[in-house]
Amino acid sequence: MPEASPPLDRLPDIDAATAAALVGAGKAVLVDVREPGEWVAGHAPEAVHIPLGELRADSVPGDLPVVAICRSGNRSGKAADALAAAGRPVHNVTGGMKAWAAAGQSVISDSGDPGTVA
């Protein structure tokens, strides 16, 4: 049986550098779907925090394409599928925040100090 194709508005998965470039250029909104404790420890400064359990297409601000991110890419993949099914163009970040940090992208804590990704 052939593998199911992604929903129509599900854009290709992207790496952390591409995600940072899209968000930095104002061409996408970065949505972090991790749990609150993960967010507090470290997140991208540009990100909007909407835990996966609270995510709805209308909870994402604006009308730009979405770049979904979590710790490793699994939860954000589910978020991307759900947002795409609701008609929102969305990318998933391959490797999540672990890849974001490894690529040298900024990670801050809730206090604004350097953050960590566990």
C-alpha atoms as a PDB file:
ATOM      1  CA  MET A   1       0.000   0.000   0.000  1.00  0.00           C
ATOM      2  CA  PRO A   2       1.479   3.421  -0.893  1.00  0.00           C
ATOM      3  CA  GLU A   3       2.248   5.857   1.909  1.00  0.00           C
ATOM      4  CA  ALA A   4      -0.514   8.407   2.494  1.00  0.00           C
ATOM      5  CA  SER A   5       0.329  11.842   1.193  1.00  0.00           C
ATOM      6  CA  PRO A   6       0.256  14.798   3.601  1.00  0.00           C
ATOM      7  CA  PRO A   7      -2.779  17.089   3.689  1.00  0.00           C
ATOM      8  CA  LEU A   8      -2.911  19.654   0.883  1.00  0.00           C
ATOM      9  CA  ASP A   9      -1.789  22.642   2.977  1.00  0.00           C
ATOM     10  CA  ARG A  10       0.918  20.683   4.813  1.00  0.00           C
ATOM     11  CA  LEU A  11       4.092  22.226   3.466  1.00  0.00           C
ATOM     12  CA  PRO A  12       7.360  20.263   3.386  1.00  0.00           C
ATOM     13  CA  ASP A  13       9.248  19.721   6.632  1.00  0.00           C
ATOM     14  CA  ILE A  14      12.140  22.177   6.983  1.00  0.00           C
ATOM     15  CA  ASP A  15      15.377  22.355   8.940  1.00  0.00           C
ATOM     16  CA  ALA A  16      16.040  24.798  11.761  1.00  0.00           C
ATOM     17  CA  ALA A  17      18.061  27.234   9.630  1.00  0.00           C
ATOM     18  CA  THR A  18      15.303  27.459   7.027  1.00  0.00           C
ATOM     19  CA  ALA A  19      12.702  27.916   9.766  1.00  0.00           C
ATOM     20  CA  ALA A  20      14.727  30.709  11.371  1.00  0.00           C
ATOM     21  CA  ALA A  21      15.148  32.430   7.994  1.00  0.00           C
ATOM     22  CA  LEU A  22      11.401  32.297   7.233  1.00  0.00           C
ATOM     23  CA  VAL A  23      10.442  33.593  10.664  1.00  0.00           C
ATOM     24  CA  GLY A  24      13.198  36.226  10.683  1.00  0.00           C
ATOM     25  CA  ALA A  25      12.067  37.542   7.290  1.00  0.00           C
ATOM     26  CA  GLY A  26       8.489  37.875   8.532  1.00  0.00           C
ATOM     27  CA  LYS A  27       7.265  35.171   6.134  1.00  0.00           C
ATOM     28  CA  ALA A  28       5.991  32.737   8.807  1.00  0.00           C
ATOM     29  CA  VAL A  29       4.966  32.551  12.452  1.00  0.00           C
ATOM     30  CA  LEU A  30       6.864  30.114  14.702  1.00  0.00           C
ATOM     31  CA  VAL A  31       4.511  28.148  16.982  1.00  0.00           C
ATOM     32  CA  ASP A  32       6.050  26.137  19.814  1.00  0.00           C
ATOM     33  CA  VAL A  33       3.666  23.335  20.820  1.00  0.00           C
ATOM     34  CA  ARG A  34       5.647  21.992  23.794  1.00  0.00           C
ATOM     35  CA  GLU A  35       4.399  21.832  27.363  1.00  0.00           C
ATOM     36  CA  PRO A  36       4.756  24.883  29.650  1.00  0.00           C
ATOM     37  CA  GLY A  37       7.754  23.511  31.566  1.00  0.00           C
ATOM     38  CA  GLU A  38       9.653  22.913  28.344  1.00  0.00           C
ATOM     39  CA  TRP A  39       8.803  26.415  27.104  1.00  0.00           C
ATOM     40  CA  VAL A  40       9.966  28.078  30.350  1.00  0.00           C
ATOM     41  CA  ALA A  41      13.333  26.274  30.205  1.00  0.00           C
ATOM     42  CA  GLY A  42      14.106  27.428  26.684  1.00  0.00           C
ATOM     43  CA  HIS A  43      12.389  28.598  23.518  1.00  0.00           C
ATOM     44  CA  ALA A  44      13.058  30.614  20.392  1.00  0.00           C
ATOM     45  CA  PRO A  45      12.612  34.334  21.132  1.00  0.00           C
ATOM     46  CA  GLU A  46      10.288  34.768  18.134  1.00  0.00           C
ATOM     47  CA  ALA A  47       8.027  31.847  19.033  1.00  0.00           C
ATOM     48  CA  VAL A  48       4.393  31.904  20.096  1.00  0.00           C
ATOM     49  CA  HIS A  49       3.614  29.284  22.742  1.00  0.00           C
ATOM     50  CA  ILE A  50       0.492  27.191  22.176  1.00  0.00           C
ATOM     51  CA  PRO A  51       0.736  23.737  23.797  1.00  0.00           C
ATOM     52  CA  LEU A  52      -0.368  20.944  21.475  1.00  0.00           C
ATOM     53  CA  GLY A  53      -3.413  20.158  23.631  1.00  0.00           C
ATOM     54  CA  GLU A  54      -4.656  23.752  23.237  1.00  0.00           C
ATOM     55  CA  LEU A  55      -3.819  24.213  19.563  1.00  0.00           C
ATOM     56  CA  ARG A  56      -6.595  25.238  17.173  1.00  0.00           C
ATOM     57  CA  ALA A  57      -6.223  26.877  13.782  1.00  0.00           C
ATOM     58  CA  ASP A  58      -7.834  30.065  15.111  1.00  0.00           C
ATOM     59  CA  SER A  59      -5.446  30.199  18.097  1.00  0.00           C
ATOM     60  CA  VAL A  60      -2.506  30.937  15.791  1.00  0.00           C
ATOM     61  CA  PRO A  61      -2.127  34.694  15.326  1.00  0.00           C
ATOM     62  CA  GLY A  62      -2.186  36.305  11.899  1.00  0.00           C
ATOM     63  CA  ASP A  63      -2.542  34.734   8.497  1.00  0.00           C
ATOM     64  CA  LEU A  64       1.081  33.889   7.722  1.00  0.00           C
ATOM     65  CA  PRO A  65       2.132  30.296   7.146  1.00  0.00           C
ATOM     66  CA  VAL A  66       2.970  28.470  10.377  1.00  0.00           C
ATOM     67  CA  VAL A  67       6.256  26.856  11.322  1.00  0.00           C
ATOM     68  CA  ALA A  68       5.491  24.304  14.054  1.00  0.00           C
ATOM     69  CA  ILE A  69       8.201  23.242  16.496  1.00  0.00           C
ATOM     70  CA  CYS A  70       8.456  20.987  19.555  1.00  0.00           C
ATOM     71  CA  ARG A  71      11.380  19.218  21.236  1.00  0.00           C
ATOM     72  CA  SER A  72      12.162  16.664  18.520  1.00  0.00           C
ATOM     73  CA  GLY A  73       9.631  17.132  15.706  1.00  0.00           C
ATOM     74  CA  ASN A  74       7.058  14.493  16.687  1.00  0.00           C
ATOM     75  CA  ARG A  75       4.436  16.646  18.433  1.00  0.00           C
ATOM     76  CA  SER A  76       4.934  19.492  15.978  1.00  0.00           C
ATOM     77  CA  GLY A  77       4.344  17.006  13.165  1.00  0.00           C
ATOM     78  CA  LYS A  78       0.967  16.212  14.724  1.00  0.00           C
ATOM     79  CA  ALA A  79       0.321  19.938  15.105  1.00  0.00           C
ATOM     80  CA  ALA A  80       1.236  20.494  11.452  1.00  0.00           C
ATOM     81  CA  ASP A  81      -1.171  17.766  10.358  1.00  0.00           C
ATOM     82  CA  ALA A  82      -3.999  19.271  12.437  1.00  0.00           C
ATOM     83  CA  LEU A  83      -3.378  22.824  11.226  1.00  0.00           C
ATOM     84  CA  ALA A  84      -3.113  21.665   7.608  1.00  0.00           C
ATOM     85  CA  ALA A  85      -6.378  19.746   7.941  1.00  0.00           C
ATOM     86  CA  ALA A  86      -7.945  23.006   9.118  1.00  0.00           C
ATOM     87  CA  GLY A  87      -6.646  24.767   5.994  1.00  0.00           C
ATOM     88  CA  ARG A  88      -3.613  26.513   7.476  1.00  0.00           C
ATOM     89  CA  PRO A  89      -0.354  26.292   5.461  1.00  0.00           C
ATOM     90  CA  VAL A  90       2.219  24.814   7.824  1.00  0.00           C
ATOM     91  CA  HIS A  91       5.773  23.456   7.953  1.00  0.00           C
ATOM     92  CA  ASN A  92       7.182  21.174  10.647  1.00  0.00           C
ATOM     93  CA  VAL A  93      10.748  21.724  11.899  1.00  0.00           C
ATOM     94  CA  THR A  94      12.726  18.509  11.509  1.00  0.00           C
ATOM     95  CA  GLY A  95      14.503  17.724  14.777  1.00  0.00           C
ATOM     96  CA  GLY A  96      12.560  20.388  16.688  1.00  0.00           C
ATOM     97  CA  MET A  97      14.143  22.620  19.323  1.00  0.00           C
ATOM     98  CA  LYS A  98      17.023  20.175  19.726  1.00  0.00           C
ATOM     99  CA  ALA A  99      17.970  20.860  16.092  1.00  0.00           C
ATOM    100  CA  TRP A 100      17.222  24.586  16.524  1.00  0.00           C
ATOM    101  CA  ALA A 101      19.720  24.851  19.394  1.00  0.00           C
ATOM    102  CA  ALA A 102      22.277  22.608  17.641  1.00  0.00           C
ATOM    103  CA  ALA A 103      22.094  24.896  14.594  1.00  0.00           C
ATOM    104  CA  GLY A 104      23.137  27.837  16.784  1.00  0.00           C
ATOM    105  CA  GLN A 105      19.739  29.530  16.803  1.00  0.00           C
ATOM    106  CA  SER A 106      18.884  31.604  19.870  1.00  0.00           C
ATOM    107  CA  VAL A 107      17.216  29.871  22.826  1.00  0.00           C
ATOM    108  CA  ILE A 108      16.027  31.937  25.785  1.00  0.00           C
ATOM    109  CA  SER A 109      14.324  31.108  29.065  1.00  0.00           C
ATOM    110  CA  ASP A 110      11.116  32.757  30.224  1.00  0.00           C
ATOM    111  CA  SER A 111      13.232  35.331  32.106  1.00  0.00           C
ATOM    112  CA  GLY A 112      15.065  36.273  28.900  1.00  0.00           C
ATOM    113  CA  ASP A 113      18.331  34.616  30.002  1.00  0.00           C
ATOM    114  CA  PRO A 114      19.958  31.930  27.854  1.00  0.00           C
ATOM    115  CA  GLY A 115      17.717  28.878  27.829  1.00  0.00           C
ATOM    116  CA  THR A 116      18.137  25.144  27.525  1.00  0.00           C
ATOM    117  CA  VAL A 117      16.420  22.403  25.555  1.00  0.00           C
ATOM    118  CA  ALA A 118      16.250  19.125  27.464  1.00  0.00           C
END
